[in-house]
């Protein structure tokens, strides 16, 4: 009901209730007639229909309100994401993880490239060239032959003045050489054997292979030391270092028939000693389980501490802002120390109230850490990962797992389209973190070049990159909302408009109820006053008749 109309009605009833003269009665009766003319005593109600244009204007206004609320949400979300990025992937991760090239489990692929997860996995020549090898080598040197008349000393023309029985046959050339000028070569190189799986074995098994005479062959020192751990066929094609322009094969007189026969023998010996497929599977399973549990515990701790520190930062900021706005002590009788203690208690209570979220974060982080370690190992069986790639897999897998969890078990009340939409945001966050990890090294180098500030680069870089990642994540989420592949945003906008209209309808209904209640009260008062006036009129008429 219009406020001006209410005011007029109240003034009319005041005059009706307090007539002070005959004119007062006349005015009061006119007021009653006027109010009756408005339909207040007859219960009439008038409704004004809403046009299509007005309806569209209302919907557009509500859509604008929704967009404004989304912008406010993006700003708050950006603040949270910046804090989360600084605390988790670029803060706690640096403390908890020691990322290394190739991951945490040595694979054959990585070993071939000289990349080992543990120091004990690395190739050490003395693991194979033990006293047992030396004993076997001496026994081979003692097996003398005098079948050939060609002697091969330090120089092909150099004939040692020694008994012919002291010469032995070179396994690769067929020539004879003096034992003092001979080495006993591992046909299948121990370094190659180690890379193909020897790193998985105990030192005892490595010693067994190193001393197996089936893989040992006497040859001239010059050839053997030039050959080293190289593939024999590839080495033969290389140019000799004597400046003659000849190949190594020509310079050392190697016979392919002898070399090929020796190589086949060495490969069979290595195959007999190398881990079987079952043994390799057992090795990988054990190493993945051990490192996975360790990585899972670290990732779980990172996620749990992230929730804890994030809530602590929010609570501290909330209390600080309130203290700046309203003063440290809200009660004049309270001391500063007491007020600070009270605020700290509130911060503690707020943080402790998140214990369930902390527990869930630890569980999800532990699963994510274990699985990301598994994925990293599988990748390194085919492709060696850089140190940053290991971080990207770990952090990216965490985002993927959170998104997958949203799809499989969405929160109550969330539609499938909304679940897919929110999962996309987790992936967007993973993309932003991955880009931040790739850029971190460049940012660190750039900050390090700044005078004075450069010495703080290890502390400033995580903050700068964290801020960039947080803002980038918020921006990607904004673009994802605009793209709206699953129609979730359109659904939310529609629900917001419908809910707003329902709210306005409810408010209008309550206002109408209040107005009708007020009208009923006024009507009741008006009728009472009208009856009172009629009674006064009758009394006045009787008085006039008696007079």
Protein backbone atom coordinates (compact mmCIF):
# COMPACT_ATOMS: atom_id res chain seq x y z
CA UNK A 1 0.00 0.00 0.00
CA UNK A 2 1.30 3.47 -0.91
CA UNK A 3 2.80 5.33 2.07
CA UNK A 4 1.07 8.60 1.10
CA UNK A 5 -2.28 6.82 1.08
CA UNK A 6 -1.56 5.32 4.47
CA UNK A 7 -0.69 8.75 5.84
CA UNK A 8 -3.91 10.24 4.45
CA UNK A 9 -5.93 7.42 5.96
CA UNK A 10 -4.33 7.91 9.37
CA UNK A 11 -5.11 11.68 9.24
CA UNK A 12 -8.73 10.95 8.32
CA UNK A 13 -9.15 8.49 11.19
CA UNK A 14 -7.56 11.01 13.56
CA UNK A 15 -10.21 13.53 12.65
CA UNK A 16 -12.90 10.90 12.85
CA UNK A 17 -11.72 9.77 16.28
CA UNK A 18 -11.49 13.29 17.70
CA UNK A 19 -14.37 15.43 16.32
CA UNK A 20 -14.32 18.81 18.01
CA UNK A 21 -17.23 20.53 16.22
CA UNK A 22 -20.09 20.06 13.83
CA UNK A 23 -17.64 20.75 11.01
CA UNK A 24 -15.45 18.01 12.45
CA UNK A 25 -18.30 15.57 12.15
CA UNK A 26 -18.96 16.68 8.59
CA UNK A 27 -15.27 16.26 7.61
CA UNK A 28 -15.15 12.90 9.34
CA UNK A 29 -18.18 11.68 7.41
CA UNK A 30 -16.64 12.90 4.16
CA UNK A 31 -13.44 10.99 5.01
CA UNK A 32 -15.44 7.81 5.61
CA UNK A 33 -17.14 8.24 2.27
CA UNK A 34 -13.79 8.88 0.58
CA UNK A 35 -12.19 5.82 2.08
CA UNK A 36 -15.20 3.76 1.09
CA UNK A 37 -14.75 5.08 -2.44
CA UNK A 38 -11.23 3.61 -2.51
CA UNK A 39 -12.73 0.19 -1.97
CA UNK A 40 -11.06 -0.27 1.39
CA UNK A 41 -14.30 -1.26 3.06
CA UNK A 42 -15.44 -3.37 0.12
CA UNK A 43 -12.25 -5.52 -0.09
CA UNK A 44 -11.50 -4.55 -3.72
CA UNK A 45 -7.96 -5.22 -5.05
CA UNK A 46 -6.41 -4.05 -8.33
CA UNK A 47 -3.56 -5.86 -10.15
CA UNK A 48 -1.42 -4.28 -12.89
CA UNK A 49 -0.30 -6.78 -15.57
CA UNK A 50 3.46 -6.96 -16.46
CA UNK A 51 4.33 -6.48 -20.14
CA UNK A 52 6.83 -8.67 -22.05
CA UNK A 53 9.22 -5.72 -22.25
CA UNK A 54 9.12 -5.19 -18.50
CA UNK A 55 9.65 -8.92 -17.89
CA UNK A 56 12.70 -8.90 -20.19
CA UNK A 57 14.07 -5.85 -18.39
CA UNK A 58 13.70 -7.60 -15.02
CA UNK A 59 15.42 -10.77 -16.31
CA UNK A 60 18.27 -8.70 -17.80
CA UNK A 61 18.74 -6.89 -14.50
CA UNK A 62 18.90 -10.19 -12.63
CA UNK A 63 21.40 -11.58 -15.20
CA UNK A 64 23.53 -8.47 -14.60
CA UNK A 65 23.40 -9.09 -10.86
CA UNK A 66 24.53 -12.68 -11.46
CA UNK A 67 27.47 -11.51 -13.59
CA UNK A 68 28.48 -9.02 -10.90
CA UNK A 69 28.36 -11.72 -8.24
CA UNK A 70 30.55 -13.91 -10.47
CA UNK A 71 33.14 -11.13 -10.80
CA UNK A 72 33.26 -10.78 -7.02
CA UNK A 73 33.62 -14.55 -6.83
CA UNK A 74 36.53 -14.52 -9.30
CA UNK A 75 38.35 -11.90 -7.21
CA UNK A 76 37.91 -13.89 -4.00
CA UNK A 77 38.85 -17.07 -5.84
CA UNK A 78 42.02 -15.43 -7.18
CA UNK A 79 43.08 -14.49 -3.66
CA UNK A 80 42.60 -18.07 -2.44
CA UNK A 81 44.36 -19.55 -5.44
CA UNK A 82 47.36 -17.24 -5.05
CA UNK A 83 47.73 -18.29 -1.41
CA UNK A 84 47.28 -21.96 -2.30
CA UNK A 85 49.90 -21.81 -5.09
CA UNK A 86 52.45 -20.09 -2.85
CA UNK A 87 51.85 -22.53 0.01
CA UNK A 88 51.60 -25.85 -1.87
CA UNK A 89 53.39 -26.40 -5.21
CA UNK A 90 55.88 -23.55 -4.84
CA UNK A 91 56.34 -23.56 -1.08
CA UNK A 92 55.89 -26.84 0.76
CA UNK A 93 56.88 -28.90 -2.30
CA UNK A 94 60.35 -27.34 -2.25
CA UNK A 95 60.79 -28.41 1.35
CA UNK A 96 59.28 -31.89 1.18
CA UNK A 97 60.46 -33.18 -2.20
CA UNK A 98 63.89 -33.70 -3.71
CA UNK A 99 62.93 -34.05 -7.35
CA UNK A 100 65.52 -35.70 -9.57
CA UNK A 101 65.94 -36.38 -13.23
CA UNK A 102 64.39 -39.71 -14.17
CA UNK A 103 62.20 -40.06 -11.07
CA UNK A 104 62.67 -42.24 -8.01
CA UNK A 105 63.10 -45.65 -9.62
CA UNK A 106 66.01 -46.57 -11.90
CA UNK A 107 64.78 -48.05 -15.18
CA UNK A 108 66.71 -49.80 -17.95
CA UNK A 109 65.90 -46.90 -20.28
CA UNK A 110 67.39 -44.39 -17.86
CA UNK A 111 70.38 -46.58 -16.98
CA UNK A 112 71.33 -46.71 -20.67
CA UNK A 113 71.53 -42.92 -20.52
CA UNK A 114 73.57 -42.91 -17.32
CA UNK A 115 70.65 -41.71 -15.17
CA UNK A 116 70.28 -43.50 -11.82
CA UNK A 117 67.81 -42.84 -8.99
CA UNK A 118 70.18 -44.02 -6.25
CA UNK A 119 73.93 -43.89 -5.83
CA UNK A 120 74.00 -47.63 -5.17
CA UNK A 121 72.42 -48.22 -8.58
CA UNK A 122 75.29 -46.53 -10.43
CA UNK A 123 77.87 -48.45 -12.41
CA UNK A 124 81.14 -49.09 -10.62
CA UNK A 125 83.81 -51.04 -12.48
CA UNK A 126 85.11 -52.65 -9.29
CA UNK A 127 81.73 -54.36 -8.79
CA UNK A 128 82.67 -56.55 -11.77
CA UNK A 129 86.47 -56.48 -11.86
CA UNK A 130 87.00 -58.22 -8.55
CA UNK A 131 89.64 -60.68 -7.38
CA UNK A 132 87.54 -63.44 -8.94
CA UNK A 133 87.81 -61.71 -12.33
CA UNK A 134 91.57 -61.33 -11.93
CA UNK A 135 91.90 -65.02 -11.07
CA UNK A 136 89.89 -65.99 -14.16
CA UNK A 137 91.93 -63.62 -16.34
CA UNK A 138 95.22 -65.08 -15.13
CA UNK A 139 93.98 -68.59 -15.83
CA UNK A 140 93.12 -67.57 -19.40
CA UNK A 141 96.54 -65.97 -19.93
CA UNK A 142 98.20 -69.17 -18.80
CA UNK A 143 96.47 -71.10 -21.60
CA UNK A 144 99.36 -70.61 -24.11
CA UNK A 145 99.29 -71.46 -27.82
CA UNK A 146 102.06 -71.70 -30.49
CA UNK A 147 99.91 -72.41 -33.53
CA UNK A 148 100.62 -69.13 -35.32
CA UNK A 149 103.98 -67.65 -36.30
CA UNK A 150 102.68 -64.06 -36.23
CA UNK A 151 103.64 -62.29 -33.04
CA UNK A 152 101.89 -59.03 -32.09
CA UNK A 153 103.75 -56.91 -29.52
CA UNK A 154 103.71 -53.18 -28.85
CA UNK A 155 104.74 -52.80 -32.51
CA UNK A 156 103.77 -55.37 -35.17
CA UNK A 157 107.42 -55.65 -36.17
CA UNK A 158 108.57 -56.05 -32.57
CA UNK A 159 109.40 -59.68 -31.79
CA UNK A 160 109.82 -60.41 -28.16
CA UNK A 161 112.88 -62.40 -27.20
CA UNK A 162 111.01 -64.99 -25.24
CA UNK A 163 110.02 -68.59 -25.36
CA UNK A 164 107.27 -69.22 -27.93
CA UNK A 165 105.20 -71.09 -25.38
CA UNK A 166 104.58 -67.81 -23.55
CA UNK A 167 102.51 -66.33 -26.42
CA UNK A 168 98.70 -66.47 -26.62
CA UNK A 169 96.15 -66.01 -29.39
CA UNK A 170 94.18 -62.74 -29.73
CA UNK A 171 90.48 -63.74 -29.72
CA UNK A 172 89.51 -61.00 -32.21
CA UNK A 173 92.40 -61.06 -34.69
CA UNK A 174 93.82 -64.57 -34.40
CA UNK A 175 97.31 -63.14 -33.99
CA UNK A 176 99.57 -64.04 -31.15
CA UNK A 177 100.55 -61.56 -28.47
CA UNK A 178 102.70 -61.70 -25.40
CA UNK A 179 100.80 -61.99 -22.10
CA UNK A 180 102.42 -58.79 -20.84
CA UNK A 181 100.90 -56.91 -23.79
CA UNK A 182 97.46 -58.57 -23.48
CA UNK A 183 94.25 -57.72 -21.64
CA UNK A 184 91.40 -60.06 -20.89
CA UNK A 185 88.35 -58.29 -22.31
CA UNK A 186 84.73 -58.64 -21.21
CA UNK A 187 83.16 -59.50 -24.55
CA UNK A 188 79.75 -58.25 -23.39
CA UNK A 189 80.90 -55.05 -21.66
CA UNK A 190 80.21 -54.89 -17.94
CA UNK A 191 78.95 -51.31 -18.28
CA UNK A 192 76.42 -52.40 -20.87
CA UNK A 193 75.47 -55.40 -18.73
CA UNK A 194 74.89 -53.07 -15.77
CA UNK A 195 72.68 -50.82 -17.87
CA UNK A 196 70.64 -53.75 -19.18
CA UNK A 197 69.69 -54.87 -15.68
CA UNK A 198 72.83 -55.48 -13.68
CA UNK A 199 71.91 -52.49 -11.50
CA UNK A 200 68.95 -54.53 -10.24
CA UNK A 201 71.17 -57.31 -8.96
CA UNK A 202 73.22 -57.85 -5.83
CA UNK A 203 76.96 -57.28 -5.90
CA UNK A 204 77.46 -61.03 -5.67
CA UNK A 205 75.61 -61.59 -8.94
CA UNK A 206 77.56 -58.78 -10.57
CA UNK A 207 80.79 -60.47 -9.49
CA UNK A 208 79.54 -63.76 -10.96
CA UNK A 209 79.05 -62.17 -14.36
CA UNK A 210 82.35 -60.29 -14.20
CA UNK A 211 84.28 -63.54 -13.58
CA UNK A 212 82.45 -65.82 -16.06
CA UNK A 213 85.12 -67.13 -18.46
CA UNK A 214 82.50 -67.56 -21.20
CA UNK A 215 82.42 -63.76 -21.45
CA UNK A 216 86.21 -63.27 -21.28
CA UNK A 217 88.56 -63.06 -24.26
CA UNK A 218 92.30 -62.26 -24.45
CA UNK A 219 93.21 -59.43 -26.80
CA UNK A 220 95.97 -56.89 -27.28
CA UNK A 221 96.03 -54.00 -24.80
CA UNK A 222 96.11 -51.32 -27.49
CA UNK A 223 92.92 -52.61 -29.11
CA UNK A 224 91.17 -53.34 -25.85
CA UNK A 225 91.84 -49.92 -24.33
CA UNK A 226 90.80 -48.16 -27.50
CA UNK A 227 87.63 -50.25 -27.61
CA UNK A 228 86.59 -49.62 -23.99
CA UNK A 229 82.84 -50.14 -23.48
CA UNK A 230 81.90 -49.37 -27.07
CA UNK A 231 79.97 -51.67 -29.36
CA UNK A 232 82.60 -53.76 -31.14
CA UNK A 233 81.11 -53.45 -34.62
CA UNK A 234 80.66 -49.69 -34.33
CA UNK A 235 84.19 -49.31 -32.98
CA UNK A 236 85.67 -51.28 -35.88
CA UNK A 237 84.29 -48.75 -38.39
CA UNK A 238 85.84 -45.75 -36.63
CA UNK A 239 89.10 -44.23 -37.80
CA UNK A 240 92.22 -45.36 -36.00
CA UNK A 241 94.14 -42.80 -33.98
CA UNK A 242 97.51 -43.60 -35.49
CA UNK A 243 97.01 -41.10 -38.31
CA UNK A 244 97.17 -43.75 -40.99
CA UNK A 245 93.60 -43.16 -42.13
CA UNK A 246 92.80 -46.82 -41.57
CA UNK A 247 89.76 -48.08 -39.63
CA UNK A 248 90.20 -49.59 -36.19
CA UNK A 249 89.46 -52.98 -37.70
CA UNK A 250 92.28 -52.61 -40.22
CA UNK A 251 94.73 -51.11 -37.72
CA UNK A 252 94.30 -53.97 -35.25
CA UNK A 253 93.76 -56.74 -37.75
CA UNK A 254 90.40 -57.87 -36.41
CA UNK A 255 88.72 -60.78 -38.14
CA UNK A 256 84.94 -60.43 -38.36
CA UNK A 257 84.40 -64.17 -38.10
CA UNK A 258 86.27 -64.26 -34.82
CA UNK A 259 84.61 -61.04 -33.55
CA UNK A 260 81.09 -62.22 -34.45
CA UNK A 261 81.63 -65.59 -32.81
CA UNK A 262 82.93 -63.93 -29.65
CA UNK A 263 80.04 -61.44 -29.58
CA UNK A 264 77.48 -64.24 -29.85
CA UNK A 265 79.16 -66.08 -27.01
CA UNK A 266 79.18 -62.94 -24.86
CA UNK A 267 75.51 -62.19 -25.54
CA UNK A 268 74.49 -65.70 -24.56
CA UNK A 269 76.50 -65.41 -21.35
CA UNK A 270 74.94 -62.03 -20.52
CA UNK A 271 71.46 -63.39 -21.23
CA UNK A 272 72.10 -66.22 -18.81
CA UNK A 273 73.14 -63.82 -16.04
CA UNK A 274 70.74 -60.88 -16.60
CA UNK A 275 67.52 -60.66 -14.53
CA UNK A 276 64.59 -62.57 -15.99
CA UNK A 277 61.30 -60.82 -16.76
CA UNK A 278 59.95 -62.09 -13.45
CA UNK A 279 62.96 -60.77 -11.56
CA UNK A 280 62.65 -57.40 -13.28
CA UNK A 281 58.95 -57.23 -12.41
CA UNK A 282 59.78 -58.06 -8.78
CA UNK A 283 62.45 -55.34 -8.71
CA UNK A 284 60.17 -52.69 -10.17
CA UNK A 285 57.29 -53.69 -7.90
CA UNK A 286 59.43 -53.45 -4.79
CA UNK A 287 61.01 -50.12 -5.76
CA UNK A 288 57.68 -48.58 -6.85
CA UNK A 289 56.02 -49.71 -3.60
CA UNK A 290 58.79 -48.30 -1.40
CA UNK A 291 59.21 -45.00 -3.22
CA UNK A 292 55.45 -44.71 -3.78
CA UNK A 293 54.72 -44.95 -0.06
CA UNK A 294 57.37 -42.32 0.66
CA UNK A 295 56.06 -40.02 -2.08
CA UNK A 296 52.48 -40.61 -0.95
CA UNK A 297 53.32 -39.64 2.62
CA UNK A 298 55.06 -36.47 1.42
CA UNK A 299 52.24 -35.51 -0.93
CA UNK A 300 49.65 -36.22 1.76
CA UNK A 301 51.59 -34.03 4.18
CA UNK A 302 51.84 -31.29 1.57
CA UNK A 303 48.11 -31.29 0.92
CA UNK A 304 47.17 -31.51 4.62
CA UNK A 305 49.57 -28.74 5.62
CA UNK A 306 48.30 -26.74 2.66
CA UNK A 307 44.73 -26.85 4.01
CA UNK A 308 45.97 -26.01 7.51
CA UNK A 309 48.19 -23.07 6.44
CA UNK A 310 45.63 -21.74 3.98
CA UNK A 311 42.95 -21.61 6.66
CA UNK A 312 45.45 -20.11 9.11
CA UNK A 313 46.27 -17.35 6.63
CA UNK A 314 42.59 -16.63 6.00
CA UNK A 315 41.75 -16.56 9.71
CA UNK A 316 44.72 -14.29 10.51
CA UNK A 317 43.79 -11.94 7.68
CA UNK A 318 40.15 -11.83 8.82
CA UNK A 319 41.15 -10.98 12.41
CA UNK A 320 43.70 -8.40 11.26
CA UNK A 321 41.17 -6.67 9.04
CA UNK A 322 38.62 -6.64 11.86
CA UNK A 323 41.21 -5.27 14.31
CA UNK A 324 42.11 -2.45 11.90
CA UNK A 325 38.45 -1.58 11.37
CA UNK A 326 37.15 -1.91 14.93
CA UNK A 327 40.24 -1.86 17.11
CA UNK A 328 42.07 -4.72 18.76
CA UNK A 329 39.75 -4.78 21.77
CA UNK A 330 36.03 -4.79 20.99
CA UNK A 331 35.19 -4.28 24.67
CA UNK A 332 36.47 -1.14 26.39
CA UNK A 333 37.03 -3.05 29.63
CA UNK A 334 39.25 -5.61 27.88
CA UNK A 335 43.03 -5.26 27.93
CA UNK A 336 45.08 -5.34 24.72
CA UNK A 337 46.76 -8.58 25.76
CA UNK A 338 43.41 -10.16 26.57
CA UNK A 339 41.97 -9.02 23.22
CA UNK A 340 44.92 -10.44 21.32
CA UNK A 341 44.60 -13.73 23.19
CA UNK A 342 40.90 -13.86 22.34
CA UNK A 343 41.58 -13.22 18.67
CA UNK A 344 44.28 -15.91 18.61
CA UNK A 345 41.85 -18.34 20.24
CA UNK A 346 39.34 -17.61 17.50
CA UNK A 347 42.01 -18.23 14.87
CA UNK A 348 42.94 -21.52 16.52
CA UNK A 349 39.31 -22.63 16.77
CA UNK A 350 38.72 -21.79 13.13
CA UNK A 351 41.79 -23.74 12.02
CA UNK A 352 40.99 -26.74 14.23
CA UNK A 353 37.46 -26.84 12.85
CA UNK A 354 39.03 -27.86 9.51
CA UNK A 355 40.44 -31.13 10.85
CA UNK A 356 38.15 -33.23 8.65
CA UNK A 357 39.27 -31.36 5.55
CA UNK A 358 42.90 -31.82 6.63
CA UNK A 359 42.37 -35.58 7.00
CA UNK A 360 40.67 -35.84 3.59
CA UNK A 361 43.43 -33.75 2.01
CA UNK A 362 46.09 -36.08 3.46
CA UNK A 363 44.27 -39.15 2.15
CA UNK A 364 43.79 -37.70 -1.33
CA UNK A 365 47.36 -36.40 -1.40
CA UNK A 366 48.76 -39.80 -0.37
CA UNK A 367 46.84 -41.56 -3.15
CA UNK A 368 47.90 -38.90 -5.64
CA UNK A 369 51.56 -39.12 -4.58
CA UNK A 370 51.64 -42.91 -4.87
CA UNK A 371 49.97 -42.98 -8.28
CA UNK A 372 52.05 -40.12 -9.68
CA UNK A 373 55.20 -41.99 -8.64
CA UNK A 374 53.89 -45.06 -10.47
CA UNK A 375 53.12 -43.02 -13.60
CA UNK A 376 56.54 -41.35 -13.47
CA UNK A 377 58.24 -44.76 -13.32
CA UNK A 378 56.18 -46.10 -16.23
CA UNK A 379 57.03 -43.03 -18.31
CA UNK A 380 60.73 -43.44 -17.55
CA UNK A 381 60.67 -47.00 -18.87
CA UNK A 382 60.36 -45.41 -22.31
CA UNK A 383 61.37 -41.77 -21.93
CA UNK A 384 63.68 -40.13 -19.43
CA UNK A 385 61.92 -37.30 -17.60
CA UNK A 386 63.61 -34.06 -16.62
CA UNK A 387 63.47 -32.84 -13.03
CA UNK A 388 60.68 -30.36 -13.82
CA UNK A 389 58.73 -33.07 -15.64
CA UNK A 390 58.68 -35.10 -12.42
CA UNK A 391 57.14 -32.12 -10.60
CA UNK A 392 54.64 -31.53 -13.38
CA UNK A 393 53.53 -35.18 -13.29
CA UNK A 394 53.13 -35.05 -9.50
CA UNK A 395 51.24 -31.74 -9.34
CA UNK A 396 49.30 -32.41 -12.52
CA UNK A 397 48.26 -35.84 -11.31
CA UNK A 398 46.98 -34.25 -8.11
CA UNK A 399 44.75 -31.93 -10.14
CA UNK A 400 43.56 -34.78 -12.33
CA UNK A 401 42.71 -36.90 -9.31
CA UNK A 402 40.70 -34.09 -7.72
CA UNK A 403 38.84 -33.56 -10.99
CA UNK A 404 38.20 -37.29 -11.38
CA UNK A 405 36.90 -37.45 -7.82
CA UNK A 406 34.49 -34.60 -8.59
CA UNK A 407 33.11 -36.53 -11.56
CA UNK A 408 32.86 -39.93 -9.88
CA UNK A 409 31.54 -38.68 -6.53
CA UNK A 410 30.20 -35.14 -7.00
CA UNK A 411 29.03 -33.19 -3.92
CA UNK A 412 25.36 -33.54 -3.08
CA UNK A 413 23.10 -31.31 -5.14
CA UNK A 414 25.56 -30.93 -8.04
CA UNK A 415 24.32 -31.97 -11.48
CA UNK A 416 26.46 -34.05 -13.84
CA UNK A 417 27.05 -31.01 -16.07
CA UNK A 418 28.21 -28.97 -13.09
CA UNK A 419 30.48 -31.82 -11.95
CA UNK A 420 32.15 -32.00 -15.37
CA UNK A 421 32.45 -28.22 -15.42
CA UNK A 422 34.13 -28.08 -12.01
CA UNK A 423 36.44 -30.96 -12.94
CA UNK A 424 37.57 -28.86 -15.89
CA UNK A 425 38.59 -26.11 -13.48
CA UNK A 426 40.83 -28.52 -11.57
CA UNK A 427 42.52 -29.43 -14.85
CA UNK A 428 42.88 -25.72 -15.65
CA UNK A 429 44.60 -25.30 -12.28
CA UNK A 430 46.96 -28.17 -13.13
CA UNK A 431 47.82 -26.49 -16.46
CA UNK A 432 48.60 -23.20 -14.70
CA UNK A 433 50.82 -24.94 -12.12
CA UNK A 434 52.65 -26.84 -14.88
CA UNK A 435 53.35 -23.60 -16.77
CA UNK A 436 54.53 -22.03 -13.51
CA UNK A 437 56.94 -24.90 -12.89
CA UNK A 438 58.35 -24.52 -16.41
CA UNK A 439 58.78 -20.77 -15.94
CA UNK A 440 60.17 -20.93 -12.39
CA UNK A 441 63.80 -21.50 -13.38
CA UNK A 442 63.77 -18.56 -15.81
CA UNK A 443 62.14 -16.31 -13.20
CA UNK A 444 64.70 -17.38 -10.60
CA UNK A 445 67.58 -16.48 -12.94
CA UNK A 446 65.99 -13.13 -13.78
CA UNK A 447 65.45 -12.22 -10.12
CA UNK A 448 69.01 -13.31 -9.28
CA UNK A 449 70.40 -10.67 -11.67
CA UNK A 450 68.69 -7.78 -9.83
CA UNK A 451 71.14 -5.95 -7.52
CA UNK A 452 70.53 -6.44 -3.78
CA UNK A 453 67.22 -8.25 -4.39
CA UNK A 454 69.00 -11.05 -6.23
CA UNK A 455 70.34 -12.59 -3.03
CA UNK A 456 66.75 -13.24 -1.96
CA UNK A 457 65.83 -14.98 -5.24
CA UNK A 458 65.27 -18.42 -3.62
CA UNK A 459 62.58 -16.85 -1.41
CA UNK A 460 61.10 -14.31 -3.83
CA UNK A 461 60.77 -16.60 -6.84
CA UNK A 462 58.21 -19.00 -5.26
CA UNK A 463 56.10 -16.02 -4.20
CA UNK A 464 56.23 -14.34 -7.61
CA UNK A 465 55.52 -17.55 -9.49
CA UNK A 466 52.81 -18.49 -6.98
CA UNK A 467 51.07 -15.14 -7.50
CA UNK A 468 51.28 -15.55 -11.28
CA UNK A 469 49.96 -19.13 -11.11
CA UNK A 470 47.11 -18.15 -8.78
CA UNK A 471 46.00 -15.28 -11.00
CA UNK A 472 46.49 -17.43 -14.10
CA UNK A 473 44.33 -20.18 -12.63
CA UNK A 474 41.56 -17.71 -11.80
CA UNK A 475 41.74 -16.31 -15.35
CA UNK A 476 41.60 -19.79 -16.89
CA UNK A 477 38.57 -20.57 -14.72
CA UNK A 478 36.94 -17.35 -15.97
CA UNK A 479 37.58 -18.40 -19.59
CA UNK A 480 36.27 -21.89 -18.81
CA UNK A 481 33.06 -20.37 -17.43
CA UNK A 482 32.71 -18.27 -20.58
CA UNK A 483 33.25 -21.30 -22.79
CA UNK A 484 30.65 -23.29 -20.80
CA UNK A 485 31.02 -26.53 -22.76
CA UNK A 486 28.59 -28.46 -20.56
CA UNK A 487 26.00 -25.70 -20.09
CA UNK A 488 26.65 -25.55 -16.35
CA UNK A 489 26.98 -21.76 -16.24
CA UNK A 490 23.77 -21.28 -18.22
CA UNK A 491 22.06 -23.64 -15.78
CA UNK A 492 23.39 -21.69 -12.78
CA UNK A 493 22.38 -18.35 -14.33
CA UNK A 494 18.87 -19.69 -14.91
CA UNK A 495 18.66 -21.02 -11.34
CA UNK A 496 19.88 -17.66 -9.98
CA UNK A 497 17.23 -15.75 -11.94
CA UNK A 498 14.46 -18.16 -10.95
CA UNK A 499 15.54 -18.10 -7.30
CA UNK A 500 15.74 -14.28 -7.34
CA UNK A 501 12.25 -14.03 -8.84
CA UNK A 502 10.97 -16.47 -6.25
CA UNK A 503 12.59 -14.38 -3.51
CA UNK A 504 11.09 -11.16 -4.87
CA UNK A 505 7.74 -12.89 -5.20
CA UNK A 506 7.95 -14.03 -1.59
CA UNK A 507 8.93 -10.51 -0.47
CA UNK A 508 6.03 -9.06 -2.47
CA UNK A 509 3.67 -11.60 -0.96
CA UNK A 510 4.83 -10.72 2.55
CA UNK A 511 4.47 -7.01 1.75
CA UNK A 512 0.97 -7.63 0.40
CA UNK A 513 0.05 -9.65 3.46
CA UNK A 514 1.32 -6.81 5.62
CA UNK A 515 -0.60 -4.26 3.56
CA UNK A 516 -3.80 -6.27 3.69
CA UNK A 517 -3.35 -6.74 7.42
CA UNK A 518 -2.86 -3.00 7.82
CA UNK A 519 -5.87 -2.37 5.62
CA UNK A 520 -7.96 -4.79 7.67
CA UNK A 521 -6.94 -2.99 10.87
CA UNK A 522 -7.75 0.38 9.34
CA UNK A 523 -11.05 -0.91 7.99
CA UNK A 524 -11.96 -2.23 11.41
CA UNK A 525 -11.09 1.10 13.02
CA UNK A 526 -12.99 2.96 10.27
CA UNK A 527 -16.12 0.89 10.76
CA UNK A 528 -15.99 1.40 14.54
CA UNK A 529 -15.59 5.14 14.06
CA UNK A 530 -18.38 5.24 11.46
CA UNK A 531 -20.68 3.48 13.92
CA UNK A 532 -19.58 5.93 16.64
CA UNK A 533 -20.35 8.87 14.35
CA UNK A 534 -23.76 7.48 13.52
CA UNK A 535 -24.44 7.12 17.24
CA UNK A 536 -23.34 10.74 17.79
CA UNK A 537 -25.54 11.88 14.92
CA UNK A 538 -28.50 10.13 16.51
CA UNK A 539 -27.74 11.68 19.88
CA UNK A 540 -27.41 15.13 18.33
CA UNK A 541 -30.67 14.66 16.44
CA UNK A 542 -32.45 13.63 19.66
CA UNK A 543 -30.98 16.59 21.53
CA UNK A 544 -32.06 18.99 18.79
CA UNK A 545 -35.59 17.48 18.77
CA UNK A 546 -35.84 17.78 22.57
CA UNK A 547 -34.62 21.39 22.42
